[in-house]
Protein backbone atom coordinates (compact mmCIF):
# COMPACT_ATOMS: atom_id res chain seq x y z
CA MET A 1 0.00 0.00 0.00
CA GLU A 2 1.41 3.32 -1.02
CA ASN A 3 1.66 6.28 1.33
CA MET A 4 -1.55 8.25 0.97
CA PHE A 5 -0.09 11.42 2.52
CA THR A 6 2.54 12.14 -0.15
CA LEU A 7 2.23 14.15 -3.34
CA GLU A 8 3.99 11.51 -5.43
CA GLY A 9 2.40 8.75 -7.46
CA ARG A 10 -1.04 8.14 -8.90
CA ILE A 11 -4.46 7.02 -7.68
CA GLY A 12 -7.48 5.86 -9.62
CA ARG A 13 -11.01 7.24 -9.71
CA LEU A 14 -12.36 4.84 -7.11
CA ASP A 15 -9.70 5.70 -4.53
CA TYR A 16 -10.21 9.40 -5.21
CA PHE A 17 -13.96 8.95 -4.71
CA PHE A 18 -13.44 7.25 -1.34
CA ILE A 19 -11.06 9.99 -0.16
CA LEU A 20 -13.54 12.64 -1.35
CA LEU A 21 -16.26 10.82 0.57
CA ILE A 22 -14.11 10.77 3.73
CA HIS A 23 -13.48 14.50 3.31
CA VAL A 24 -17.18 15.32 2.86
CA ILE A 25 -18.35 13.08 5.73
CA PHE A 26 -15.74 14.57 8.07
CA ASN A 27 -16.82 18.12 7.19
CA VAL A 28 -20.48 17.26 7.72
CA LEU A 29 -19.63 15.79 11.13
CA ILE A 30 -17.81 18.97 12.10
CA VAL A 31 -20.85 21.05 11.15
CA LEU A 32 -23.14 18.72 13.10
CA LEU A 33 -20.87 18.79 16.17
CA ASN A 34 -20.76 22.59 16.10
CA PRO A 35 -17.55 22.66 18.16
CA GLU A 36 -17.90 25.51 20.62
CA SER A 37 -15.79 24.01 23.38
CA VAL A 38 -12.05 24.74 23.34
CA LEU A 39 -11.31 21.07 24.10
CA ILE A 40 -13.30 19.89 21.09
CA LEU A 41 -11.56 22.49 18.90
CA ILE A 42 -8.15 21.29 20.12
CA LEU A 43 -9.09 17.77 19.04
CA VAL A 44 -10.85 18.70 15.79
CA ILE A 45 -8.30 21.10 14.26
CA PRO A 46 -5.36 18.63 13.90
CA VAL A 47 -7.64 15.90 12.56
CA SER A 48 -9.24 18.39 10.18
CA LEU A 49 -5.82 19.44 8.87
CA GLY A 50 -4.90 15.78 8.38
CA VAL A 51 -8.08 15.05 6.42
CA PHE A 52 -7.55 18.19 4.33
CA TRP A 53 -3.95 17.17 3.54
CA LEU A 54 -5.15 13.69 2.56
CA TYR A 55 -7.62 15.30 0.15
CA VAL A 56 -4.98 17.62 -1.33
CA CYS A 57 -2.68 14.63 -1.89
CA ALA A 58 -5.53 12.74 -3.57
CA ILE A 59 -6.22 15.65 -5.92
CA VAL A 60 -2.56 15.93 -6.92
CA LYS A 61 -2.32 12.17 -7.47
CA ARG A 62 -5.46 12.20 -9.63
CA PHE A 63 -3.92 14.92 -11.79
CA HIS A 64 -0.83 12.71 -12.02
CA ASP A 65 -3.03 9.80 -13.11
CA LEU A 66 -4.33 12.03 -15.91
CA ASN A 67 -0.68 12.79 -16.85
CA LYS A 68 -1.06 16.40 -15.72
CA SER A 69 1.03 18.39 -13.28
CA GLY A 70 -0.09 18.49 -9.65
CA SER A 71 0.16 22.28 -9.79
CA ASN A 72 -3.22 22.16 -11.57
CA PHE A 73 -4.53 21.88 -8.00
CA TRP A 74 -4.58 25.69 -7.87
CA LEU A 75 -7.12 25.77 -10.72
CA LEU A 76 -9.67 24.47 -8.21
CA LEU A 77 -9.74 27.96 -6.72
CA ILE A 78 -11.47 29.29 -9.85
CA PRO A 79 -15.26 29.35 -9.29
CA ILE A 80 -17.42 27.29 -11.68
CA TYR A 81 -14.30 25.86 -13.35
CA ASN A 82 -13.62 23.90 -10.16
CA ILE A 83 -16.90 22.03 -10.64
CA TYR A 84 -15.78 20.94 -14.10
CA LEU A 85 -12.38 19.89 -12.76
CA THR A 86 -13.81 17.93 -9.85
CA LEU A 87 -16.62 16.20 -11.72
CA GLY A 88 -15.41 16.18 -15.30
CA LEU A 89 -11.78 15.33 -14.77
CA LEU A 90 -10.91 14.09 -11.32
CA LEU A 91 -13.97 12.01 -10.56
CA PHE A 92 -15.04 10.58 -13.90
CA ARG A 93 -12.21 10.73 -16.44
CA LYS A 94 -10.18 7.56 -16.84
CA GLY A 95 -6.47 7.90 -16.15
CA THR A 96 -3.75 7.27 -18.69
CA ASN A 97 -3.23 3.63 -19.65
CA GLY A 98 0.00 2.05 -18.48
CA SER A 99 2.70 3.99 -16.72
CA ASN A 100 3.34 7.66 -17.25
CA MET A 101 5.96 10.07 -15.95
CA TYR A 102 4.31 10.08 -12.50
CA GLY A 103 4.29 6.33 -11.88
CA GLU A 104 2.67 3.00 -12.59
CA ASN A 105 -0.98 2.57 -13.48
CA PRO A 106 -2.91 2.52 -10.17
CA VAL A 107 -5.64 0.27 -11.62
CA GLU A 108 -3.09 -2.47 -12.23
CA ASN A 109 -1.78 -2.12 -8.66
CA GLY A 110 -5.26 -2.36 -7.13
CA SER A 111 -7.26 0.02 -4.99
CA ILE A 112 -6.01 1.47 -1.70
CA PHE A 113 -9.37 0.78 -0.07
CA LEU A 114 -10.33 -2.50 -1.71
CA LYS A 115 -8.28 -5.64 -1.39
CA GLN A 116 -6.81 -6.94 -4.63
CA GLU A 117 -8.84 -10.14 -4.28
CA THR A 118 -12.16 -8.25 -4.24
CA VAL A 119 -11.66 -6.67 -7.65
CA ILE A 120 -13.88 -8.37 -10.23
CA THR A 121 -11.76 -9.53 -13.13
CA LYS A 122 -14.22 -11.33 -15.42
CA GLU A 123 -15.28 -9.17 -18.35
CA SER A 124 -18.89 -10.36 -18.14
CA ASN A 125 -19.15 -9.38 -14.47
CA LYS A 126 -17.08 -6.20 -14.66
CA VAL A 127 -18.58 -3.36 -12.64
CA ASP A 128 -18.74 -0.04 -14.49
CA VAL A 129 -17.00 2.25 -12.00
CA GLU A 130 -18.30 5.41 -13.68
CA LYS A 131 -21.94 4.32 -13.31
CA VAL A 132 -21.47 3.33 -9.65
CA MET A 133 -19.78 6.63 -8.82
CA LEU A 134 -22.43 8.62 -10.69
CA ILE A 135 -25.21 6.86 -8.79
CA LEU A 136 -23.47 7.45 -5.45
CA PHE A 137 -22.85 11.10 -6.35
CA VAL A 138 -26.52 11.64 -7.25
CA ILE A 139 -27.62 10.00 -4.00
CA LEU A 140 -25.23 12.18 -1.96
CA PHE A 141 -26.35 15.28 -3.88
CA PHE A 142 -30.01 14.65 -3.11
CA LEU A 143 -29.24 13.82 0.51
CA GLY A 144 -27.49 17.20 0.73
CA ILE A 145 -30.53 18.96 -0.71
CA VAL A 146 -32.86 17.15 1.70
CA TRP A 147 -30.56 17.97 4.61
CA SER A 148 -30.44 21.65 3.68
CA LEU A 149 -34.25 21.79 3.39
CA ILE A 150 -34.69 20.09 6.77
CA SER A 151 -32.25 22.39 8.55
CA MET A 152 -33.93 25.61 7.28
């Protein structure tokens, strides 16, 4: 298993999705906790910085998987364009086949979160990762809308 907290190497779409999910869930938990106590803040801030760094590393590694420089990370600061980058490139675009200048193909090495044995290898039973991620994204999107309507 590669080190997830470095800016070197590549990760696939599925690993990026799981790290994005961890980042979103952690941020939702912080909002729900509403940390007003100094003790809770002392505990939350270092963990929050760690989760943020994990997400930054995942973004850079996804750009590497697309054979693009990790400095494209800064393009995420541009409003509207960041939606295209996150959804159009990082989440749904397939990485370069084989190795590139940033490392070996992460799909061939297996997922960080899934054991190598759990990956389905038969062509007839192959799971379409893009469809699964799109379905999960739509579910999370609607849950966010419902949550915002409830908390009004």
